[in-house]
Amino acid sequence: MNAVTKHDAPKIAVHKNVYMALAAAQMEMGTVTKGAVNRAFTSRYADLADVMQAVLPALNANGLALFHTFVDGSAAMRTTLIHGESETRIECDVPLIVTKNDMQGMKSATTYAKRIGTESVTGVAPDDDDGNAAVKAAPQRLEPPKSDPEFNPAGCRDRLISAISRRTTKEALTDLWNKEKGARVALKEADEPKYLEFVAAFKAAGEKAHADPARQAPSLADNIGDEIPY
């Protein structure tokens, strides 16, 4: 195996400061692709790996390093973009909002904060932004993959059943059935017995629920694309 010489090493462009280096890097950055799938809503999104893949080659080629550190007693994640030659930098602090008090919850929060920080200091964005997506009447949802090691069928079932317990009218249950279509499809694909437990709980709640006199119950034909189990 031949040793790598300094002539073989990639050349790094020389810039005056972090801002000039970033401007040059932005001209070379690729599009951020949406390579991850959200099982709960059966939609695609750009995860941290997608963002890093789009920005790191261009940043490194222009003498820029990107890293993340905890700040404020681990209450926030700081993303730092530093230009090695001039030692000038750009920083972005993102608060860590941990929804589950365990390591999985912390990992999820830090990963999300790193992605937000990276997008902020580099200026990249997914291939279509939230504003464009919002004006589309009915965004197409993708069918969920048949297997996903991160999807928790038991947790999904428990969340849906908990949501059922907070609905006391058939109209509210109908709204829940429609709103959670993505989660229902994902649960049925991943674990049909647990899906049937959810359906049984939904049916029982529907039989006990009363009609809301302030609302007219929407017809099934107008409101949903699959049958409500009551």
Foldseek 3Di string as FASTA:
>chain_A
DDDDDPVNDQAAADDDFLVVLLVQLLVVFDAQEFDDADQQQQATGGFLVSLCVRRVVSLVSHQWDWDWDAPPVNQWIKIWIARVVNRDIDIDIGGQDQPDPDPVSNVVRNRVRSSVGSCVRNVHDHPDDPVVVVPDPDDDGHQDDLDDPVDDLVVLLVVLLVCLVVDQAPQSLLVSCAVRVSSLRSNCSHPVVSSVVSLVSSLVSHVRHHHDPVDDRDDCVPRDDDDRND
